[in-house]
Amino acid sequence: MKKNIVVAGNIGSGKADLIKFLCSNYPLVPIGNVAEENPYLDGFFLDMKRWAFHSQIFFLAKKFELFQQHATSFSSVILSRTIHEDAEIFARNLYQSHIMSEIDFKTYYNFYLSLKDILPAPDLLIYLHSPVSTMLKRLKARNRPFDHLITEAYLRRLNRLYVNWIGDYDLSEVVIIDTQQYDFTSNLVDRADILESIERFI
């Protein structure tokens, strides 16, 4: 049976590593990394006020496009981050931090609401929780062009919103993985524990 799985989590929480690991164990098709396609992202981290709206609209539209492309597929898919995180965490944080204006946020959020009910809920959401210190270490290690521009304060604000969001999330089954406690990149015992925790959903 076809499954739609989403891996949710803050920047540097380990989403790409988990997706790679799960795809090596199950017949899942990974949906592309939208962040790498965002032409506004480098500019956003250099001048957030100027590019916040542009960057968030790109993510929203691109995610919806990807969902449409895979809606008729017979393959089980796994996606990094939900469209709901983009709106309820990243865009909301920009608005609450006075980086995105009220009129831009309302325009964005109304667009999100118009898409929200069209999209099917995932069959499973895997939420990766990490302390900010762990995420900062990962960001330094992977050294992508804009990673060094991501501040500790920015990650902390996102983490607070994530905690609230996952507490209220009720669209699908949820598996929560603490990526400070579990190492799914190299620890065989942790890998087995993670596979056991999601086996019944996949």
C-alpha atoms as a PDB file:
ATOM      1  CA  MET A   1       0.000   0.000   0.000  1.00  0.00           C
ATOM      2  CA  LYS A   2       1.243   3.455  -0.906  1.00  0.00           C
ATOM      3  CA  LYS A   3       2.449   5.546   2.042  1.00  0.00           C
ATOM      4  CA  ASN A   4       3.152   9.267   2.377  1.00  0.00           C
ATOM      5  CA  ILE A   5       5.709   9.949   5.097  1.00  0.00           C
ATOM      6  CA  VAL A   6       7.041  13.305   6.259  1.00  0.00           C
ATOM      7  CA  VAL A   7      10.139  13.974   8.333  1.00  0.00           C
ATOM      8  CA  ALA A   8       9.668  17.165  10.333  1.00  0.00           C
ATOM      9  CA  GLY A   9      12.187  19.146  12.334  1.00  0.00           C
ATOM     10  CA  ASN A  10      14.241  22.256  12.784  1.00  0.00           C
ATOM     11  CA  ILE A  11      17.246  23.241  10.674  1.00  0.00           C
ATOM     12  CA  GLY A  12      20.096  20.812  11.375  1.00  0.00           C
ATOM     13  CA  SER A  13      17.933  18.276  13.216  1.00  0.00           C
ATOM     14  CA  GLY A  14      19.034  15.430  10.911  1.00  0.00           C
ATOM     15  CA  LYS A  15      16.156  15.148   8.434  1.00  0.00           C
ATOM     16  CA  ALA A  16      18.324  14.405   5.378  1.00  0.00           C
ATOM     17  CA  ASP A  17      20.271  11.705   7.235  1.00  0.00           C
ATOM     18  CA  LEU A  18      17.103  10.003   8.467  1.00  0.00           C
ATOM     19  CA  ILE A  19      15.517  10.075   5.015  1.00  0.00           C
ATOM     20  CA  LYS A  20      18.634   8.498   3.515  1.00  0.00           C
ATOM     21  CA  PHE A  21      18.618   5.820   6.214  1.00  0.00           C
ATOM     22  CA  LEU A  22      14.924   4.990   5.789  1.00  0.00           C
ATOM     23  CA  CYS A  23      15.209   4.853   1.994  1.00  0.00           C
ATOM     24  CA  SER A  24      17.988   2.293   2.381  1.00  0.00           C
ATOM     25  CA  ASN A  25      15.646   0.078   4.423  1.00  0.00           C
ATOM     26  CA  TYR A  26      12.260   0.599   2.772  1.00  0.00           C
ATOM     27  CA  PRO A  27      11.026   1.121  -0.807  1.00  0.00           C
ATOM     28  CA  LEU A  28      10.522   4.856  -0.357  1.00  0.00           C
ATOM     29  CA  VAL A  29      10.997   7.566  -2.975  1.00  0.00           C
ATOM     30  CA  PRO A  30      12.590  10.693  -1.469  1.00  0.00           C
ATOM     31  CA  ILE A  31      11.067  13.955  -2.660  1.00  0.00           C
ATOM     32  CA  GLY A  32      13.711  16.523  -3.586  1.00  0.00           C
ATOM     33  CA  ASN A  33      15.347  18.959  -1.190  1.00  0.00           C
ATOM     34  CA  VAL A  34      13.340  22.129  -1.731  1.00  0.00           C
ATOM     35  CA  ALA A  35      15.826  24.313   0.162  1.00  0.00           C
ATOM     36  CA  GLU A  36      18.516  23.656  -2.403  1.00  0.00           C
ATOM     37  CA  GLU A  37      16.197  24.964  -5.141  1.00  0.00           C
ATOM     38  CA  ASN A  38      15.187  28.180  -3.378  1.00  0.00           C
ATOM     39  CA  PRO A  39      16.805  31.079  -5.305  1.00  0.00           C
ATOM     40  CA  TYR A  40      16.042  33.510  -2.466  1.00  0.00           C
ATOM     41  CA  LEU A  41      17.638  31.566   0.386  1.00  0.00           C
ATOM     42  CA  ASP A  42      21.156  33.015   0.308  1.00  0.00           C
ATOM     43  CA  GLY A  43      19.726  36.520   0.089  1.00  0.00           C
ATOM     44  CA  PHE A  44      17.300  35.747   2.892  1.00  0.00           C
ATOM     45  CA  PHE A  45      20.021  34.964   5.416  1.00  0.00           C
ATOM     46  CA  LEU A  46      21.883  38.127   4.415  1.00  0.00           C
ATOM     47  CA  ASP A  47      18.820  40.416   4.474  1.00  0.00           C
ATOM     48  CA  MET A  48      15.832  38.688   6.075  1.00  0.00           C
ATOM     49  CA  LYS A  49      13.430  41.622   5.913  1.00  0.00           C
ATOM     50  CA  ARG A  50      13.906  42.048   2.190  1.00  0.00           C
ATOM     51  CA  TRP A  51      13.619  38.387   1.185  1.00  0.00           C
ATOM     52  CA  ALA A  52      11.442  36.754   3.889  1.00  0.00           C
ATOM     53  CA  PHE A  53       8.170  36.918   1.949  1.00  0.00           C
ATOM     54  CA  HIS A  54       9.772  35.844  -1.348  1.00  0.00           C
ATOM     55  CA  SER A  55      11.548  32.893   0.249  1.00  0.00           C
ATOM     56  CA  GLN A  56       8.484  31.631   2.122  1.00  0.00           C
ATOM     57  CA  ILE A  57       6.209  31.934  -0.911  1.00  0.00           C
ATOM     58  CA  PHE A  58       8.714  29.887  -2.923  1.00  0.00           C
ATOM     59  CA  PHE A  59       8.705  27.106  -0.315  1.00  0.00           C
ATOM     60  CA  LEU A  60       4.908  27.067  -0.146  1.00  0.00           C
ATOM     61  CA  ALA A  61       4.390  26.962  -3.897  1.00  0.00           C
ATOM     62  CA  LYS A  62       7.169  24.415  -4.481  1.00  0.00           C
ATOM     63  CA  LYS A  63       5.892  22.053  -1.793  1.00  0.00           C
ATOM     64  CA  PHE A  64       2.395  22.189  -3.252  1.00  0.00           C
ATOM     65  CA  GLU A  65       3.815  21.477  -6.712  1.00  0.00           C
ATOM     66  CA  LEU A  66       5.673  18.438  -5.381  1.00  0.00           C
ATOM     67  CA  PHE A  67       2.553  17.095  -3.679  1.00  0.00           C
ATOM     68  CA  GLN A  68       0.634  17.419  -6.919  1.00  0.00           C
ATOM     69  CA  GLN A  69       3.354  15.642  -8.883  1.00  0.00           C
ATOM     70  CA  HIS A  70       3.340  12.646  -6.547  1.00  0.00           C
ATOM     71  CA  ALA A  71      -0.424  12.500  -5.919  1.00  0.00           C
ATOM     72  CA  THR A  72      -0.956  10.008  -8.736  1.00  0.00           C
ATOM     73  CA  SER A  73       2.184   7.997  -8.084  1.00  0.00           C
ATOM     74  CA  PHE A  74       1.899   4.406  -6.876  1.00  0.00           C
ATOM     75  CA  SER A  75       5.185   4.671  -4.966  1.00  0.00           C
ATOM     76  CA  SER A  76       5.493   5.406  -1.277  1.00  0.00           C
ATOM     77  CA  VAL A  77       7.204   8.754  -0.789  1.00  0.00           C
ATOM     78  CA  ILE A  78       9.098  10.492   1.983  1.00  0.00           C
ATOM     79  CA  LEU A  79       9.327  14.260   2.190  1.00  0.00           C
ATOM     80  CA  SER A  80      11.503  16.576   4.246  1.00  0.00           C
ATOM     81  CA  ARG A  81       9.302  18.990   6.206  1.00  0.00           C
ATOM     82  CA  THR A  82       5.573  19.603   5.850  1.00  0.00           C
ATOM     83  CA  ILE A  83       3.921  22.586   4.251  1.00  0.00           C
ATOM     84  CA  HIS A  84       2.415  23.230   7.706  1.00  0.00           C
ATOM     85  CA  GLU A  85       5.847  23.765   9.244  1.00  0.00           C
ATOM     86  CA  ASP A  86       6.663  26.356   6.621  1.00  0.00           C
ATOM     87  CA  ALA A  87       3.582  28.344   7.614  1.00  0.00           C
ATOM     88  CA  GLU A  88       3.120  27.696  11.324  1.00  0.00           C
ATOM     89  CA  ILE A  89       6.782  27.789  12.327  1.00  0.00           C
ATOM     90  CA  PHE A  90       9.046  29.504   9.827  1.00  0.00           C
ATOM     91  CA  ALA A  91       6.706  32.190   8.460  1.00  0.00           C
ATOM     92  CA  ARG A  92       5.096  32.750  11.861  1.00  0.00           C
ATOM     93  CA  ASN A  93       8.518  33.201  13.453  1.00  0.00           C
ATOM     94  CA  LEU A  94       9.421  35.816  10.839  1.00  0.00           C
ATOM     95  CA  TYR A  95       6.202  37.682  11.579  1.00  0.00           C
ATOM     96  CA  GLN A  96       6.565  37.469  15.360  1.00  0.00           C
ATOM     97  CA  SER A  97      10.174  38.663  15.060  1.00  0.00           C
ATOM     98  CA  HIS A  98       9.015  41.690  13.015  1.00  0.00           C
ATOM     99  CA  ILE A  99      11.013  40.511  10.026  1.00  0.00           C
ATOM    100  CA  MET A 100       7.950  39.841   7.867  1.00  0.00           C
ATOM    101  CA  SER A 101       5.376  42.633   7.847  1.00  0.00           C
ATOM    102  CA  GLU A 102       1.805  42.038   8.934  1.00  0.00           C
ATOM    103  CA  ILE A 103       0.424  42.552   5.431  1.00  0.00           C
ATOM    104  CA  ASP A 104       2.983  40.117   3.944  1.00  0.00           C
ATOM    105  CA  PHE A 105       2.236  37.518   6.604  1.00  0.00           C
ATOM    106  CA  LYS A 106      -1.530  37.791   6.072  1.00  0.00           C
ATOM    107  CA  THR A 107      -1.091  37.466   2.310  1.00  0.00           C
ATOM    108  CA  TYR A 108       1.171  34.450   2.779  1.00  0.00           C
ATOM    109  CA  TYR A 109      -1.018  32.815   5.421  1.00  0.00           C
ATOM    110  CA  ASN A 110      -4.205  33.198   3.385  1.00  0.00           C
ATOM    111  CA  PHE A 111      -2.422  31.514   0.474  1.00  0.00           C
ATOM    112  CA  TYR A 112      -1.392  28.707   2.834  1.00  0.00           C
ATOM    113  CA  LEU A 113      -4.970  28.280   4.091  1.00  0.00           C
ATOM    114  CA  SER A 114      -6.252  28.016   0.521  1.00  0.00           C
ATOM    115  CA  LEU A 115      -3.842  25.107  -0.078  1.00  0.00           C
ATOM    116  CA  LYS A 116      -4.077  23.443   3.329  1.00  0.00           C
ATOM    117  CA  ASP A 117      -7.381  21.649   2.880  1.00  0.00           C
ATOM    118  CA  ILE A 118      -6.519  20.472  -0.633  1.00  0.00           C
ATOM    119  CA  LEU A 119      -3.459  18.533   0.496  1.00  0.00           C
ATOM    120  CA  PRO A 120      -3.882  15.030   1.929  1.00  0.00           C
ATOM    121  CA  ALA A 121      -2.536  14.411   5.399  1.00  0.00           C
ATOM    122  CA  PRO A 122       0.574  12.220   5.596  1.00  0.00           C
ATOM    123  CA  ASP A 123       0.228   8.656   6.812  1.00  0.00           C
ATOM    124  CA  LEU A 124       3.073   9.219   9.250  1.00  0.00           C
ATOM    125  CA  LEU A 125       4.955  12.226  10.564  1.00  0.00           C
ATOM    126  CA  ILE A 126       8.388  11.598  12.071  1.00  0.00           C
ATOM    127  CA  TYR A 127       9.406  14.547  14.214  1.00  0.00           C
ATOM    128  CA  LEU A 128      13.100  14.996  14.968  1.00  0.00           C
ATOM    129  CA  HIS A 129      13.786  16.964  18.123  1.00  0.00           C
ATOM    130  CA  SER A 130      17.253  18.319  18.832  1.00  0.00           C
ATOM    131  CA  PRO A 131      18.689  20.788  21.328  1.00  0.00           C
ATOM    132  CA  VAL A 132      20.027  23.950  19.728  1.00  0.00           C
ATOM    133  CA  SER A 133      23.626  23.104  20.652  1.00  0.00           C
ATOM    134  CA  THR A 134      23.407  19.848  18.678  1.00  0.00           C
ATOM    135  CA  MET A 135      21.938  21.573  15.649  1.00  0.00           C
ATOM    136  CA  LEU A 136      24.657  24.227  15.667  1.00  0.00           C
ATOM    137  CA  LYS A 137      27.316  21.510  15.654  1.00  0.00           C
ATOM    138  CA  ARG A 138      25.658  19.824  12.679  1.00  0.00           C
ATOM    139  CA  LEU A 139      25.404  23.100  10.783  1.00  0.00           C
ATOM    140  CA  LYS A 140      29.128  23.747  11.257  1.00  0.00           C
ATOM    141  CA  ALA A 141      29.970  20.208  10.150  1.00  0.00           C
ATOM    142  CA  ARG A 142      27.952  20.243   6.922  1.00  0.00           C
ATOM    143  CA  ASN A 143      29.137  23.746   5.963  1.00  0.00           C
ATOM    144  CA  ARG A 144      26.563  24.663   3.349  1.00  0.00           C
ATOM    145  CA  PRO A 145      26.914  28.194   1.935  1.00  0.00           C
ATOM    146  CA  PHE A 146      24.356  29.853   4.240  1.00  0.00           C
ATOM    147  CA  ASP A 147      24.706  27.661   7.347  1.00  0.00           C
ATOM    148  CA  HIS A 148      27.180  29.970   9.091  1.00  0.00           C
ATOM    149  CA  LEU A 149      24.596  32.775   8.906  1.00  0.00           C
ATOM    150  CA  ILE A 150      22.046  30.853  11.026  1.00  0.00           C
ATOM    151  CA  THR A 151      22.172  32.183  14.594  1.00  0.00           C
ATOM    152  CA  GLU A 152      21.564  30.435  17.892  1.00  0.00           C
ATOM    153  CA  ALA A 153      18.721  32.862  18.686  1.00  0.00           C
ATOM    154  CA  TYR A 154      16.994  32.063  15.380  1.00  0.00           C
ATOM    155  CA  LEU A 155      17.146  28.306  16.075  1.00  0.00           C
ATOM    156  CA  ARG A 156      15.843  28.787  19.617  1.00  0.00           C
ATOM    157  CA  ARG A 157      12.806  30.717  18.410  1.00  0.00           C
ATOM    158  CA  LEU A 158      12.057  27.996  15.858  1.00  0.00           C
ATOM    159  CA  ASN A 159      12.470  25.266  18.478  1.00  0.00           C
ATOM    160  CA  ARG A 160       9.898  26.915  20.766  1.00  0.00           C
ATOM    161  CA  LEU A 161       7.401  27.078  17.921  1.00  0.00           C
ATOM    162  CA  TYR A 162       8.129  23.442  17.031  1.00  0.00           C
ATOM    163  CA  VAL A 163       7.385  22.279  20.568  1.00  0.00           C
ATOM    164  CA  ASN A 164       3.998  24.031  20.497  1.00  0.00           C
ATOM    165  CA  TRP A 165       3.197  22.844  16.977  1.00  0.00           C
ATOM    166  CA  ILE A 166       3.979  19.169  17.543  1.00  0.00           C
ATOM    167  CA  GLY A 167       1.979  19.247  20.777  1.00  0.00           C
ATOM    168  CA  ASP A 168      -1.131  20.283  18.836  1.00  0.00           C
ATOM    169  CA  TYR A 169      -0.497  18.252  15.671  1.00  0.00           C
ATOM    170  CA  ASP A 170      -3.333  15.813  14.965  1.00  0.00           C
ATOM    171  CA  LEU A 171      -3.313  15.192  11.202  1.00  0.00           C
ATOM    172  CA  SER A 172      -1.623  11.793  11.317  1.00  0.00           C
ATOM    173  CA  GLU A 173       0.277   9.296  13.410  1.00  0.00           C
ATOM    174  CA  VAL A 174       3.442  10.766  14.952  1.00  0.00           C
ATOM    175  CA  VAL A 175       6.776   9.243  15.944  1.00  0.00           C
ATOM    176  CA  ILE A 176       9.084  11.544  17.912  1.00  0.00           C
ATOM    177  CA  ILE A 177      12.827  10.888  17.810  1.00  0.00           C
ATOM    178  CA  ASP A 178      15.300  12.727  20.033  1.00  0.00           C
ATOM    179  CA  THR A 179      18.331  13.000  17.755  1.00  0.00           C
ATOM    180  CA  GLN A 180      20.632  13.795  20.654  1.00  0.00           C
ATOM    181  CA  GLN A 181      19.721  10.464  22.246  1.00  0.00           C
ATOM    182  CA  TYR A 182      19.591   8.409  19.030  1.00  0.00           C
ATOM    183  CA  ASP A 183      22.359   8.246  16.433  1.00  0.00           C
ATOM    184  CA  PHE A 184      20.915   6.831  13.223  1.00  0.00           C
ATOM    185  CA  THR A 185      23.999   7.663  11.165  1.00  0.00           C
ATOM    186  CA  SER A 186      26.303   4.993  12.657  1.00  0.00           C
ATOM    187  CA  ASN A 187      24.956   3.360  15.852  1.00  0.00           C
ATOM    188  CA  LEU A 188      23.475  -0.030  14.938  1.00  0.00           C
ATOM    189  CA  VAL A 189      21.471  -0.367  18.164  1.00  0.00           C
ATOM    190  CA  ASP A 190      19.918   3.070  17.717  1.00  0.00           C
ATOM    191  CA  ARG A 191      19.153   2.267  14.093  1.00  0.00           C
ATOM    192  CA  ALA A 192      17.346  -0.906  15.113  1.00  0.00           C
ATOM    193  CA  ASP A 193      15.356   0.973  17.770  1.00  0.00           C
ATOM    194  CA  ILE A 194      14.267   3.622  15.264  1.00  0.00           C
ATOM    195  CA  LEU A 195      13.204   1.032  12.691  1.00  0.00           C
ATOM    196  CA  GLU A 196      11.224  -0.799  15.359  1.00  0.00           C
ATOM    197  CA  SER A 197       9.427   2.398  16.384  1.00  0.00           C
ATOM    198  CA  ILE A 198       8.167   3.119  12.860  1.00  0.00           C
ATOM    199  CA  GLU A 199       7.859  -0.449  11.480  1.00  0.00           C
ATOM    200  CA  ARG A 200       4.127  -0.775  12.156  1.00  0.00           C
ATOM    201  CA  PHE A 201       3.382   2.454  10.273  1.00  0.00           C
ATOM    202  CA  ILE A 202       5.397   1.581   7.169  1.00  0.00           C
END
